[in-house]
N, C-alpha and C. Protein backbone atom coordinates (compact mmCIF):
# COMPACT_ATOMS: atom_id res chain seq x y z
N UNK A 1 84.75 -45.36 -32.70
CA UNK A 1 83.40 -45.12 -33.20
C UNK A 1 82.94 -46.24 -34.12
N UNK A 2 83.89 -46.80 -34.89
CA UNK A 2 83.52 -47.94 -35.74
C UNK A 2 83.05 -49.11 -34.87
N UNK A 3 83.74 -49.32 -33.75
CA UNK A 3 83.33 -50.39 -32.85
C UNK A 3 81.97 -50.12 -32.22
N UNK A 4 81.73 -48.86 -31.89
CA UNK A 4 80.43 -48.49 -31.31
C UNK A 4 79.31 -48.72 -32.31
N UNK A 5 79.56 -48.35 -33.56
CA UNK A 5 78.57 -48.56 -34.63
C UNK A 5 78.30 -50.05 -34.83
N UNK A 6 79.39 -50.84 -34.90
CA UNK A 6 79.24 -52.27 -35.13
C UNK A 6 78.49 -52.93 -33.98
N UNK A 7 78.77 -52.51 -32.76
CA UNK A 7 78.07 -53.06 -31.60
C UNK A 7 76.57 -52.76 -31.68
N UNK A 8 76.25 -51.54 -32.10
CA UNK A 8 74.84 -51.16 -32.22
C UNK A 8 74.13 -51.98 -33.29
N UNK A 9 74.79 -52.16 -34.44
CA UNK A 9 74.20 -52.91 -35.55
C UNK A 9 73.99 -54.38 -35.16
N UNK A 10 74.91 -54.92 -34.36
CA UNK A 10 74.82 -56.33 -33.98
C UNK A 10 73.92 -56.58 -32.78
N UNK A 11 73.35 -55.51 -32.22
CA UNK A 11 72.42 -55.68 -31.12
C UNK A 11 73.08 -55.73 -29.76
N UNK A 12 74.39 -55.46 -29.69
CA UNK A 12 75.08 -55.47 -28.40
C UNK A 12 74.63 -54.28 -27.55
N UNK A 13 74.34 -53.18 -28.21
CA UNK A 13 73.92 -51.98 -27.50
C UNK A 13 75.06 -50.99 -27.38
N UNK A 14 74.88 -49.99 -26.54
CA UNK A 14 75.89 -48.95 -26.39
C UNK A 14 77.09 -49.49 -25.61
N UNK A 15 78.28 -49.26 -26.16
CA UNK A 15 79.51 -49.64 -25.45
C UNK A 15 80.28 -48.40 -25.03
N UNK A 16 79.83 -47.24 -25.47
CA UNK A 16 80.42 -45.97 -25.08
C UNK A 16 79.33 -45.05 -24.54
N UNK A 17 79.73 -43.98 -23.93
CA UNK A 17 78.77 -43.00 -23.42
C UNK A 17 77.95 -42.46 -24.60
N UNK A 18 76.61 -42.66 -24.60
CA UNK A 18 75.78 -42.21 -25.72
C UNK A 18 75.91 -40.72 -26.02
N UNK A 19 76.09 -39.91 -24.99
CA UNK A 19 76.23 -38.47 -25.21
C UNK A 19 77.52 -38.16 -25.97
N UNK A 20 78.58 -38.89 -25.66
CA UNK A 20 79.84 -38.69 -26.37
C UNK A 20 79.74 -39.15 -27.81
N UNK A 21 79.07 -40.27 -28.02
CA UNK A 21 78.88 -40.80 -29.37
C UNK A 21 78.10 -39.80 -30.21
N UNK A 22 77.01 -39.32 -29.66
CA UNK A 22 76.16 -38.37 -30.37
C UNK A 22 76.93 -37.08 -30.69
N UNK A 23 77.67 -36.58 -29.72
CA UNK A 23 78.45 -35.36 -29.91
C UNK A 23 79.49 -35.54 -31.01
N UNK A 24 80.14 -36.69 -30.99
CA UNK A 24 81.15 -36.99 -32.02
C UNK A 24 80.52 -37.01 -33.41
N UNK A 25 79.42 -37.71 -33.54
CA UNK A 25 78.75 -37.83 -34.85
C UNK A 25 78.25 -36.48 -35.35
N UNK A 26 77.72 -35.66 -34.44
CA UNK A 26 77.27 -34.33 -34.82
C UNK A 26 78.43 -33.50 -35.36
N UNK A 27 79.60 -33.62 -34.71
CA UNK A 27 80.79 -32.88 -35.15
C UNK A 27 81.26 -33.36 -36.52
N UNK A 28 81.24 -34.68 -36.75
CA UNK A 28 81.64 -35.21 -38.05
C UNK A 28 80.71 -34.69 -39.15
N UNK A 29 79.41 -34.70 -38.87
CA UNK A 29 78.45 -34.19 -39.84
C UNK A 29 78.68 -32.71 -40.09
N UNK A 30 78.90 -31.96 -39.05
CA UNK A 30 79.06 -30.50 -39.17
C UNK A 30 80.31 -30.11 -39.93
N UNK A 31 81.43 -30.75 -39.63
CA UNK A 31 82.70 -30.31 -40.18
C UNK A 31 83.16 -31.08 -41.43
N UNK A 32 82.73 -32.33 -41.58
CA UNK A 32 83.26 -33.14 -42.68
C UNK A 32 82.34 -33.22 -43.89
N UNK A 33 81.05 -32.97 -43.71
CA UNK A 33 80.13 -33.01 -44.85
C UNK A 33 80.22 -31.69 -45.61
N UNK A 34 80.65 -31.79 -46.86
CA UNK A 34 80.75 -30.62 -47.73
C UNK A 34 79.74 -30.76 -48.86
N UNK A 35 78.94 -29.74 -49.07
CA UNK A 35 77.93 -29.79 -50.12
C UNK A 35 78.49 -29.39 -51.48
N UNK A 36 79.66 -28.78 -51.49
CA UNK A 36 80.31 -28.35 -52.73
C UNK A 36 81.82 -28.45 -52.52
N UNK A 37 82.46 -29.30 -53.32
CA UNK A 37 83.90 -29.54 -53.16
C UNK A 37 84.74 -28.75 -54.16
N UNK A 38 84.14 -27.73 -54.76
CA UNK A 38 84.86 -26.95 -55.78
C UNK A 38 86.17 -26.36 -55.24
N UNK A 39 86.17 -25.95 -54.00
CA UNK A 39 87.36 -25.35 -53.43
C UNK A 39 88.23 -26.33 -52.67
N UNK A 40 87.95 -27.62 -52.81
CA UNK A 40 88.69 -28.64 -52.06
C UNK A 40 89.67 -29.37 -52.97
N UNK A 41 90.93 -29.41 -52.57
CA UNK A 41 91.95 -30.10 -53.37
C UNK A 41 92.08 -31.54 -52.91
N UNK A 42 91.91 -32.45 -53.86
CA UNK A 42 92.11 -33.87 -53.59
C UNK A 42 93.05 -34.40 -54.68
N UNK A 43 94.36 -34.20 -54.53
CA UNK A 43 95.29 -34.53 -55.60
C UNK A 43 95.47 -36.02 -55.86
N UNK A 44 95.10 -36.86 -54.87
CA UNK A 44 95.37 -38.29 -55.04
C UNK A 44 94.32 -38.98 -55.92
N UNK A 45 93.04 -38.89 -55.51
CA UNK A 45 91.98 -39.57 -56.29
C UNK A 45 90.74 -38.71 -56.33
N UNK A 46 90.75 -37.67 -57.14
CA UNK A 46 89.59 -36.78 -57.22
C UNK A 46 88.38 -37.42 -57.88
N UNK A 47 88.57 -38.57 -58.51
CA UNK A 47 87.44 -39.21 -59.20
C UNK A 47 86.35 -39.66 -58.24
N UNK A 48 86.66 -39.79 -56.94
CA UNK A 48 85.65 -40.20 -55.98
C UNK A 48 84.60 -39.11 -55.76
N UNK A 49 85.06 -37.88 -55.72
CA UNK A 49 84.17 -36.73 -55.52
C UNK A 49 84.97 -35.47 -55.85
N UNK A 50 84.38 -34.60 -56.66
CA UNK A 50 85.12 -33.38 -57.02
C UNK A 50 84.15 -32.33 -57.57
N UNK A 51 84.68 -31.14 -57.75
CA UNK A 51 83.88 -30.05 -58.31
C UNK A 51 82.72 -29.67 -57.43
N UNK A 52 81.58 -29.46 -58.04
CA UNK A 52 80.39 -29.01 -57.31
C UNK A 52 79.69 -30.14 -56.57
N UNK A 53 80.26 -31.34 -56.61
CA UNK A 53 79.66 -32.46 -55.90
C UNK A 53 79.88 -32.31 -54.40
N UNK A 54 79.04 -33.02 -53.63
CA UNK A 54 79.19 -33.03 -52.19
C UNK A 54 79.71 -34.36 -51.71
N UNK A 55 80.13 -34.40 -50.44
CA UNK A 55 80.60 -35.65 -49.87
C UNK A 55 81.12 -35.45 -48.46
N UNK A 56 81.32 -36.55 -47.77
CA UNK A 56 81.83 -36.54 -46.40
C UNK A 56 83.33 -36.81 -46.44
N UNK A 57 84.12 -35.80 -46.14
CA UNK A 57 85.58 -35.94 -46.14
C UNK A 57 86.04 -36.83 -44.99
N UNK A 58 87.08 -37.60 -45.22
CA UNK A 58 87.59 -38.47 -44.17
C UNK A 58 88.18 -37.67 -43.01
N UNK A 59 88.86 -36.58 -43.31
CA UNK A 59 89.46 -35.77 -42.25
C UNK A 59 89.28 -34.28 -42.54
N UNK A 60 89.08 -33.51 -41.50
CA UNK A 60 89.10 -32.05 -41.60
C UNK A 60 89.77 -31.50 -40.35
N UNK A 61 90.21 -30.26 -40.44
CA UNK A 61 90.83 -29.59 -39.31
C UNK A 61 90.12 -28.25 -39.12
N UNK A 62 88.90 -28.29 -38.59
CA UNK A 62 88.09 -27.06 -38.50
C UNK A 62 88.69 -25.99 -37.59
N UNK A 63 89.54 -26.41 -36.67
CA UNK A 63 90.15 -25.44 -35.75
C UNK A 63 91.65 -25.28 -36.01
N UNK A 64 92.08 -25.68 -37.21
CA UNK A 64 93.49 -25.56 -37.56
C UNK A 64 94.29 -26.75 -37.08
N UNK A 65 95.60 -26.70 -37.34
CA UNK A 65 96.48 -27.76 -36.86
C UNK A 65 96.70 -28.90 -37.82
N UNK A 66 96.36 -28.70 -39.11
CA UNK A 66 96.59 -29.78 -40.08
C UNK A 66 98.08 -30.08 -40.18
N UNK A 67 98.41 -31.35 -40.18
CA UNK A 67 99.80 -31.78 -40.26
C UNK A 67 100.36 -31.52 -41.66
N UNK A 68 101.67 -31.39 -41.74
CA UNK A 68 102.29 -31.20 -43.06
C UNK A 68 102.20 -32.47 -43.89
N UNK A 69 102.19 -33.62 -43.22
CA UNK A 69 102.00 -34.91 -43.89
C UNK A 69 100.87 -35.64 -43.18
N UNK A 70 99.62 -35.27 -43.47
CA UNK A 70 98.48 -35.90 -42.78
C UNK A 70 98.23 -37.31 -43.30
N UNK A 71 97.27 -37.97 -42.68
CA UNK A 71 96.77 -39.28 -43.13
C UNK A 71 96.64 -39.28 -44.65
N UNK A 72 97.24 -40.26 -45.31
CA UNK A 72 97.39 -40.21 -46.76
C UNK A 72 96.06 -40.10 -47.50
N UNK A 73 94.98 -40.62 -46.92
CA UNK A 73 93.67 -40.59 -47.59
C UNK A 73 92.77 -39.46 -47.07
N UNK A 74 93.32 -38.57 -46.28
CA UNK A 74 92.49 -37.60 -45.55
C UNK A 74 91.65 -36.71 -46.45
N UNK A 75 92.08 -36.45 -47.67
CA UNK A 75 91.35 -35.55 -48.57
C UNK A 75 90.28 -36.26 -49.39
N UNK A 76 90.09 -37.55 -49.14
CA UNK A 76 89.18 -38.33 -49.97
C UNK A 76 87.78 -38.47 -49.37
N UNK A 77 86.88 -38.93 -50.21
CA UNK A 77 85.49 -39.22 -49.84
C UNK A 77 85.24 -40.69 -50.17
N UNK A 78 84.92 -41.49 -49.17
CA UNK A 78 84.65 -42.91 -49.36
C UNK A 78 83.19 -43.21 -49.04
N UNK A 79 82.49 -43.81 -49.96
CA UNK A 79 81.08 -44.13 -49.69
C UNK A 79 80.93 -45.09 -48.51
N UNK A 80 81.90 -45.99 -48.35
CA UNK A 80 81.82 -46.94 -47.24
C UNK A 80 81.81 -46.26 -45.89
N UNK A 81 82.54 -45.16 -45.76
CA UNK A 81 82.54 -44.39 -44.52
C UNK A 81 81.30 -43.49 -44.45
N UNK A 82 80.91 -42.95 -45.59
CA UNK A 82 79.71 -42.10 -45.62
C UNK A 82 78.50 -42.88 -45.11
N UNK A 83 78.31 -44.10 -45.60
CA UNK A 83 77.17 -44.90 -45.18
C UNK A 83 77.27 -45.30 -43.71
N UNK A 84 78.49 -45.61 -43.27
CA UNK A 84 78.68 -46.00 -41.86
C UNK A 84 78.30 -44.84 -40.94
N UNK A 85 78.79 -43.66 -41.24
CA UNK A 85 78.47 -42.49 -40.41
C UNK A 85 76.98 -42.18 -40.48
N UNK A 86 76.41 -42.25 -41.68
CA UNK A 86 74.98 -41.96 -41.85
C UNK A 86 74.11 -42.93 -41.05
N UNK A 87 74.44 -44.22 -41.13
CA UNK A 87 73.67 -45.22 -40.39
C UNK A 87 73.79 -45.01 -38.89
N UNK A 88 74.99 -44.66 -38.44
CA UNK A 88 75.20 -44.44 -37.01
C UNK A 88 74.41 -43.21 -36.54
N UNK A 89 74.41 -42.16 -37.35
CA UNK A 89 73.61 -40.99 -37.02
C UNK A 89 72.14 -41.38 -36.86
N UNK A 90 71.64 -42.18 -37.79
CA UNK A 90 70.24 -42.60 -37.73
C UNK A 90 69.96 -43.42 -36.48
N UNK A 91 70.87 -44.34 -36.15
CA UNK A 91 70.69 -45.17 -34.96
C UNK A 91 70.64 -44.32 -33.69
N UNK A 92 71.28 -43.16 -33.74
CA UNK A 92 71.29 -42.25 -32.58
C UNK A 92 70.15 -41.24 -32.65
N UNK A 93 69.24 -41.41 -33.63
CA UNK A 93 68.08 -40.53 -33.74
C UNK A 93 68.30 -39.30 -34.59
N UNK A 94 69.49 -39.18 -35.20
CA UNK A 94 69.81 -38.03 -36.04
C UNK A 94 69.54 -38.38 -37.51
N UNK A 95 68.29 -38.66 -37.79
CA UNK A 95 67.90 -39.17 -39.11
C UNK A 95 68.12 -38.14 -40.21
N UNK A 96 67.76 -36.91 -39.97
CA UNK A 96 67.92 -35.88 -41.01
C UNK A 96 69.38 -35.73 -41.41
N UNK A 97 70.27 -35.70 -40.42
CA UNK A 97 71.69 -35.56 -40.71
C UNK A 97 72.22 -36.77 -41.49
N UNK A 98 71.76 -37.96 -41.10
CA UNK A 98 72.18 -39.16 -41.81
C UNK A 98 71.74 -39.15 -43.26
N UNK A 99 70.49 -38.74 -43.49
CA UNK A 99 69.98 -38.71 -44.85
C UNK A 99 70.68 -37.66 -45.71
N UNK A 100 71.14 -36.59 -45.11
CA UNK A 100 71.90 -35.58 -45.86
C UNK A 100 73.15 -36.20 -46.46
N UNK A 101 73.84 -37.01 -45.68
CA UNK A 101 75.05 -37.67 -46.16
C UNK A 101 74.71 -38.65 -47.28
N UNK A 102 73.65 -39.43 -47.09
CA UNK A 102 73.25 -40.41 -48.10
C UNK A 102 72.89 -39.73 -49.41
N UNK A 103 72.18 -38.61 -49.34
CA UNK A 103 71.79 -37.90 -50.57
C UNK A 103 73.01 -37.37 -51.32
N UNK A 104 73.99 -36.86 -50.57
CA UNK A 104 75.21 -36.36 -51.22
C UNK A 104 75.92 -37.49 -51.94
N UNK A 105 75.95 -38.64 -51.32
CA UNK A 105 76.59 -39.81 -51.91
C UNK A 105 75.84 -40.30 -53.14
N UNK A 106 74.54 -40.46 -53.02
CA UNK A 106 73.75 -40.99 -54.14
C UNK A 106 73.67 -40.00 -55.30
N UNK A 107 73.79 -38.71 -55.02
CA UNK A 107 73.83 -37.73 -56.10
C UNK A 107 75.07 -37.91 -56.96
N UNK A 108 76.16 -38.37 -56.35
CA UNK A 108 77.38 -38.61 -57.12
C UNK A 108 77.26 -39.87 -57.97
N UNK A 109 76.57 -40.86 -57.42
CA UNK A 109 76.42 -42.15 -58.11
C UNK A 109 75.00 -42.29 -58.68
N UNK A 110 74.60 -41.30 -59.47
CA UNK A 110 73.23 -41.29 -59.99
C UNK A 110 73.12 -41.86 -61.40
N UNK A 111 74.23 -42.38 -61.94
CA UNK A 111 74.20 -42.99 -63.25
C UNK A 111 74.63 -42.08 -64.39
N UNK A 112 74.75 -40.79 -64.13
CA UNK A 112 75.17 -39.88 -65.19
C UNK A 112 76.69 -39.85 -65.35
N UNK A 113 77.39 -39.85 -64.22
CA UNK A 113 78.86 -39.83 -64.26
C UNK A 113 79.43 -41.13 -63.73
N UNK A 114 78.82 -41.65 -62.67
CA UNK A 114 79.31 -42.88 -62.04
C UNK A 114 78.22 -43.94 -62.03
N UNK A 115 78.66 -45.18 -62.07
CA UNK A 115 77.77 -46.33 -62.05
C UNK A 115 77.10 -46.44 -60.67
N UNK A 116 75.78 -46.36 -60.59
CA UNK A 116 75.10 -46.44 -59.28
C UNK A 116 75.24 -47.79 -58.60
N UNK A 117 75.72 -48.80 -59.33
CA UNK A 117 75.87 -50.14 -58.75
C UNK A 117 77.34 -50.50 -58.52
N UNK A 118 78.23 -49.54 -58.71
CA UNK A 118 79.66 -49.81 -58.56
C UNK A 118 80.32 -48.62 -57.88
N UNK A 119 80.28 -48.61 -56.56
CA UNK A 119 80.89 -47.51 -55.81
C UNK A 119 82.36 -47.87 -55.56
N UNK A 120 83.16 -47.62 -56.57
CA UNK A 120 84.57 -48.04 -56.53
C UNK A 120 85.36 -47.19 -55.53
N UNK A 121 86.26 -47.87 -54.84
CA UNK A 121 87.19 -47.17 -53.96
C UNK A 121 88.58 -47.72 -54.25
N UNK A 122 89.01 -48.76 -53.54
CA UNK A 122 90.32 -49.36 -53.84
C UNK A 122 90.12 -50.49 -54.85
N UNK A 123 89.25 -50.25 -55.82
CA UNK A 123 88.90 -51.26 -56.81
C UNK A 123 87.40 -51.20 -57.08
N UNK A 124 87.00 -51.80 -58.18
CA UNK A 124 85.58 -51.80 -58.53
C UNK A 124 84.78 -52.72 -57.60
N UNK A 125 83.54 -52.33 -57.32
CA UNK A 125 82.64 -53.08 -56.44
C UNK A 125 83.32 -53.35 -55.08
N UNK A 126 83.91 -52.31 -54.54
CA UNK A 126 84.69 -52.45 -53.31
C UNK A 126 83.77 -52.75 -52.13
N UNK A 127 84.22 -53.65 -51.25
CA UNK A 127 83.36 -54.18 -50.19
C UNK A 127 82.93 -53.15 -49.16
N UNK A 128 83.74 -52.11 -48.93
CA UNK A 128 83.41 -51.17 -47.86
C UNK A 128 82.05 -50.51 -48.07
N UNK A 129 81.65 -50.34 -49.33
CA UNK A 129 80.36 -49.71 -49.61
C UNK A 129 79.18 -50.55 -49.11
N UNK A 130 79.44 -51.81 -48.75
CA UNK A 130 78.36 -52.65 -48.22
C UNK A 130 77.89 -52.18 -46.86
N UNK A 131 78.59 -51.21 -46.27
CA UNK A 131 78.09 -50.62 -45.02
C UNK A 131 76.74 -49.95 -45.26
N UNK A 132 76.38 -49.73 -46.53
CA UNK A 132 75.08 -49.16 -46.87
C UNK A 132 73.93 -50.03 -46.35
N UNK A 133 74.20 -51.32 -46.17
CA UNK A 133 73.16 -52.22 -45.68
C UNK A 133 72.67 -51.80 -44.29
N UNK A 134 73.55 -51.17 -43.52
CA UNK A 134 73.19 -50.73 -42.17
C UNK A 134 72.20 -49.58 -42.19
N UNK A 135 72.03 -48.94 -43.35
CA UNK A 135 71.05 -47.85 -43.44
C UNK A 135 69.63 -48.36 -43.19
N UNK A 136 69.35 -49.58 -43.63
CA UNK A 136 68.03 -50.17 -43.39
C UNK A 136 67.76 -50.26 -41.89
N UNK A 137 68.76 -50.72 -41.15
CA UNK A 137 68.59 -50.83 -39.70
C UNK A 137 68.59 -49.46 -39.05
N UNK A 138 69.37 -48.54 -39.61
CA UNK A 138 69.40 -47.19 -39.07
C UNK A 138 68.04 -46.53 -39.10
N UNK A 139 67.28 -46.77 -40.16
CA UNK A 139 65.96 -46.16 -40.31
C UNK A 139 64.85 -46.95 -39.61
N UNK A 140 64.96 -48.27 -39.65
CA UNK A 140 63.87 -49.11 -39.14
C UNK A 140 64.13 -49.70 -37.77
N UNK A 141 65.41 -49.82 -37.42
CA UNK A 141 65.75 -50.51 -36.18
C UNK A 141 65.45 -51.98 -36.24
N UNK A 142 65.23 -52.52 -37.45
CA UNK A 142 64.87 -53.94 -37.61
C UNK A 142 66.09 -54.83 -37.38
N UNK A 143 65.95 -55.77 -36.45
CA UNK A 143 67.02 -56.73 -36.15
C UNK A 143 66.38 -58.04 -35.71
N UNK A 144 66.79 -59.13 -36.35
CA UNK A 144 66.22 -60.43 -36.04
C UNK A 144 67.19 -61.23 -35.18
N UNK A 145 66.69 -61.72 -34.05
CA UNK A 145 67.48 -62.57 -33.16
C UNK A 145 67.08 -64.02 -33.44
N UNK A 146 67.97 -64.75 -34.10
CA UNK A 146 67.65 -66.12 -34.50
C UNK A 146 67.64 -67.09 -33.33
N UNK A 147 68.22 -66.72 -32.19
CA UNK A 147 68.20 -67.58 -31.00
C UNK A 147 66.86 -67.43 -30.29
N UNK A 148 66.47 -66.19 -30.03
CA UNK A 148 65.21 -65.93 -29.34
C UNK A 148 64.01 -65.99 -30.28
N UNK A 149 64.26 -65.95 -31.59
CA UNK A 149 63.20 -65.89 -32.61
C UNK A 149 62.37 -64.63 -32.44
N UNK A 150 63.04 -63.54 -32.09
CA UNK A 150 62.38 -62.26 -31.87
C UNK A 150 62.82 -61.27 -32.93
N UNK A 151 61.84 -60.57 -33.49
CA UNK A 151 62.13 -59.50 -34.45
C UNK A 151 61.98 -58.17 -33.72
N UNK A 152 63.07 -57.45 -33.65
CA UNK A 152 63.07 -56.15 -32.97
C UNK A 152 62.88 -55.03 -33.99
N UNK A 153 62.03 -54.09 -33.66
CA UNK A 153 61.82 -52.90 -34.50
C UNK A 153 61.97 -51.67 -33.61
N UNK A 154 62.82 -50.76 -34.04
CA UNK A 154 63.01 -49.51 -33.30
C UNK A 154 63.21 -48.40 -34.32
N UNK A 155 62.14 -48.04 -35.02
CA UNK A 155 62.27 -47.09 -36.13
C UNK A 155 62.63 -45.68 -35.69
N UNK A 156 63.41 -45.02 -36.54
CA UNK A 156 63.71 -43.60 -36.34
C UNK A 156 62.94 -42.76 -37.35
N UNK A 157 62.03 -43.40 -38.07
CA UNK A 157 61.14 -42.69 -38.97
C UNK A 157 59.74 -42.77 -38.39
N UNK A 158 58.94 -41.78 -38.67
CA UNK A 158 57.58 -41.74 -38.12
C UNK A 158 56.58 -42.37 -39.09
N UNK A 159 55.52 -42.92 -38.53
CA UNK A 159 54.44 -43.44 -39.36
C UNK A 159 54.71 -44.83 -39.89
N UNK A 160 53.86 -45.24 -40.84
CA UNK A 160 53.97 -46.55 -41.45
C UNK A 160 55.15 -46.61 -42.42
N UNK A 161 55.74 -47.79 -42.55
CA UNK A 161 56.82 -47.98 -43.51
C UNK A 161 56.96 -49.47 -43.83
N UNK A 162 57.64 -49.74 -44.93
CA UNK A 162 57.99 -51.10 -45.33
C UNK A 162 59.47 -51.10 -45.69
N UNK A 163 60.17 -52.17 -45.33
CA UNK A 163 61.59 -52.27 -45.65
C UNK A 163 61.97 -53.73 -45.86
N UNK A 164 63.13 -53.93 -46.41
CA UNK A 164 63.65 -55.27 -46.68
C UNK A 164 64.37 -55.81 -45.45
N UNK A 165 64.17 -57.10 -45.17
CA UNK A 165 64.89 -57.76 -44.09
C UNK A 165 65.38 -59.11 -44.58
N UNK A 166 66.66 -59.37 -44.38
CA UNK A 166 67.24 -60.65 -44.79
C UNK A 166 67.89 -61.32 -43.59
N UNK A 167 67.70 -62.63 -43.47
CA UNK A 167 68.32 -63.41 -42.40
C UNK A 167 69.08 -64.57 -43.04
N UNK A 168 69.68 -65.41 -42.21
CA UNK A 168 70.45 -66.55 -42.73
C UNK A 168 69.56 -67.59 -43.40
N UNK A 169 68.27 -67.59 -43.05
CA UNK A 169 67.39 -68.66 -43.55
C UNK A 169 66.28 -68.17 -44.49
N UNK A 170 66.16 -66.86 -44.67
CA UNK A 170 65.12 -66.35 -45.54
C UNK A 170 65.07 -64.84 -45.51
N UNK A 171 64.19 -64.30 -46.33
CA UNK A 171 64.05 -62.85 -46.36
C UNK A 171 62.60 -62.47 -46.61
N UNK A 172 62.31 -61.19 -46.37
CA UNK A 172 60.95 -60.72 -46.55
C UNK A 172 60.85 -59.23 -46.32
N UNK A 173 59.64 -58.80 -46.03
CA UNK A 173 59.36 -57.38 -45.82
C UNK A 173 58.97 -57.15 -44.37
N UNK A 174 59.57 -56.14 -43.78
CA UNK A 174 59.30 -55.80 -42.40
C UNK A 174 58.82 -54.36 -42.34
N UNK A 175 58.06 -54.03 -41.32
CA UNK A 175 57.63 -52.64 -41.23
C UNK A 175 56.61 -52.42 -40.13
N UNK A 176 55.99 -51.26 -40.21
CA UNK A 176 54.95 -50.87 -39.26
C UNK A 176 53.72 -50.44 -40.05
N UNK A 177 52.56 -50.95 -39.64
CA UNK A 177 51.30 -50.58 -40.27
C UNK A 177 50.28 -50.34 -39.17
N UNK A 178 49.68 -49.15 -39.21
CA UNK A 178 48.69 -48.77 -38.20
C UNK A 178 49.22 -48.94 -36.78
N UNK A 179 50.49 -48.61 -36.61
CA UNK A 179 51.09 -48.65 -35.28
C UNK A 179 51.54 -50.02 -34.82
N UNK A 180 51.44 -51.04 -35.67
CA UNK A 180 51.84 -52.39 -35.29
C UNK A 180 52.94 -52.90 -36.22
N UNK A 181 53.90 -53.62 -35.64
CA UNK A 181 54.97 -54.19 -36.43
C UNK A 181 54.50 -55.42 -37.19
N UNK A 182 55.11 -55.67 -38.35
CA UNK A 182 54.75 -56.86 -39.13
C UNK A 182 55.97 -57.40 -39.86
N UNK A 183 55.89 -58.67 -40.22
CA UNK A 183 56.89 -59.30 -41.08
C UNK A 183 56.18 -60.18 -42.09
N UNK A 184 56.48 -59.98 -43.37
CA UNK A 184 55.90 -60.78 -44.44
C UNK A 184 57.01 -61.56 -45.12
N UNK A 185 57.10 -62.88 -44.89
CA UNK A 185 58.16 -63.67 -45.53
C UNK A 185 57.96 -63.75 -47.04
N UNK A 186 59.05 -63.73 -47.77
CA UNK A 186 59.00 -63.82 -49.23
C UNK A 186 59.70 -65.07 -49.75
N UNK A 187 60.76 -65.49 -49.05
CA UNK A 187 61.49 -66.67 -49.48
C UNK A 187 62.20 -67.30 -48.28
N UNK A 188 62.28 -68.63 -48.28
CA UNK A 188 62.92 -69.32 -47.17
C UNK A 188 62.02 -69.35 -45.95
N UNK A 189 62.62 -69.58 -44.79
CA UNK A 189 61.87 -69.66 -43.54
C UNK A 189 62.52 -68.76 -42.49
N UNK A 190 61.72 -67.92 -41.90
CA UNK A 190 62.17 -67.06 -40.80
C UNK A 190 61.14 -67.21 -39.68
N UNK A 191 61.52 -67.92 -38.64
CA UNK A 191 60.58 -68.15 -37.54
C UNK A 191 60.57 -66.93 -36.63
N UNK A 192 59.42 -66.27 -36.57
CA UNK A 192 59.27 -65.09 -35.72
C UNK A 192 58.20 -65.41 -34.67
N UNK A 193 58.65 -65.59 -33.45
CA UNK A 193 57.71 -65.88 -32.36
C UNK A 193 57.12 -64.61 -31.77
N UNK A 194 57.87 -63.52 -31.91
CA UNK A 194 57.43 -62.27 -31.30
C UNK A 194 58.04 -61.10 -32.06
N UNK A 195 57.25 -60.05 -32.21
CA UNK A 195 57.75 -58.78 -32.76
C UNK A 195 57.70 -57.75 -31.66
N UNK A 196 58.86 -57.20 -31.33
CA UNK A 196 58.94 -56.20 -30.28
C UNK A 196 59.16 -54.84 -30.92
N UNK A 197 58.12 -54.05 -30.94
CA UNK A 197 58.18 -52.70 -31.49
C UNK A 197 58.50 -51.74 -30.35
N UNK A 198 59.64 -51.12 -30.44
CA UNK A 198 60.09 -50.19 -29.41
C UNK A 198 60.09 -48.78 -29.96
N UNK A 199 59.80 -47.82 -29.13
CA UNK A 199 59.88 -46.45 -29.61
C UNK A 199 61.32 -46.09 -29.96
N UNK A 200 61.54 -45.52 -31.12
CA UNK A 200 62.88 -45.15 -31.53
C UNK A 200 63.38 -43.93 -30.81
N UNK A 201 64.67 -43.65 -31.03
CA UNK A 201 65.23 -42.45 -30.45
C UNK A 201 64.58 -41.26 -31.14
N UNK A 202 64.31 -40.19 -30.43
CA UNK A 202 63.66 -39.04 -31.07
C UNK A 202 64.43 -38.60 -32.30
N UNK A 203 63.77 -38.58 -33.44
CA UNK A 203 64.41 -38.20 -34.69
C UNK A 203 64.63 -36.71 -34.77
N UNK A 204 65.56 -36.33 -35.65
CA UNK A 204 65.85 -34.91 -35.80
C UNK A 204 65.25 -34.40 -37.10
């Protein structure tokens, strides 16, 4: 599934059966997202998520069969995985489910208990949390092809929107206004010969 997500983010497209991918993601959302972890034991690193907080568990056994010595991190909640799953859900048109995961994560890192700019996992400012960048593409479908000089937009949100877009040579604002795609450069140079606005997958 990580490979399927990465292929989608990089513009390769579907490498697995879309129905299987969607079914898998729906199951992960259904069984692994917990809105209250008060009854969940995480003896190794409860500082990631605990008590009445919510989060997406790495592993669950909804139909039984948990091993006596399961995956060592199975009881934990990692923002890097939460964002990856959320972005993939959005790319598959399951926007509401993806946003549920994001809200649970951001509620934990709201500045009252945890630093909103330091989603620590195996160390402070851990790189896995950078999967959050894919959320922009998950919602907007914005992807710039520097070879073709084409900006692709395939939003899973309805109506007008504005979002951040960064490329190797510059960055700016991308979005949809009055049904038309646009790009407003802010710094550097991004040559856009064409904007292809495609209808997104039906959102949930």
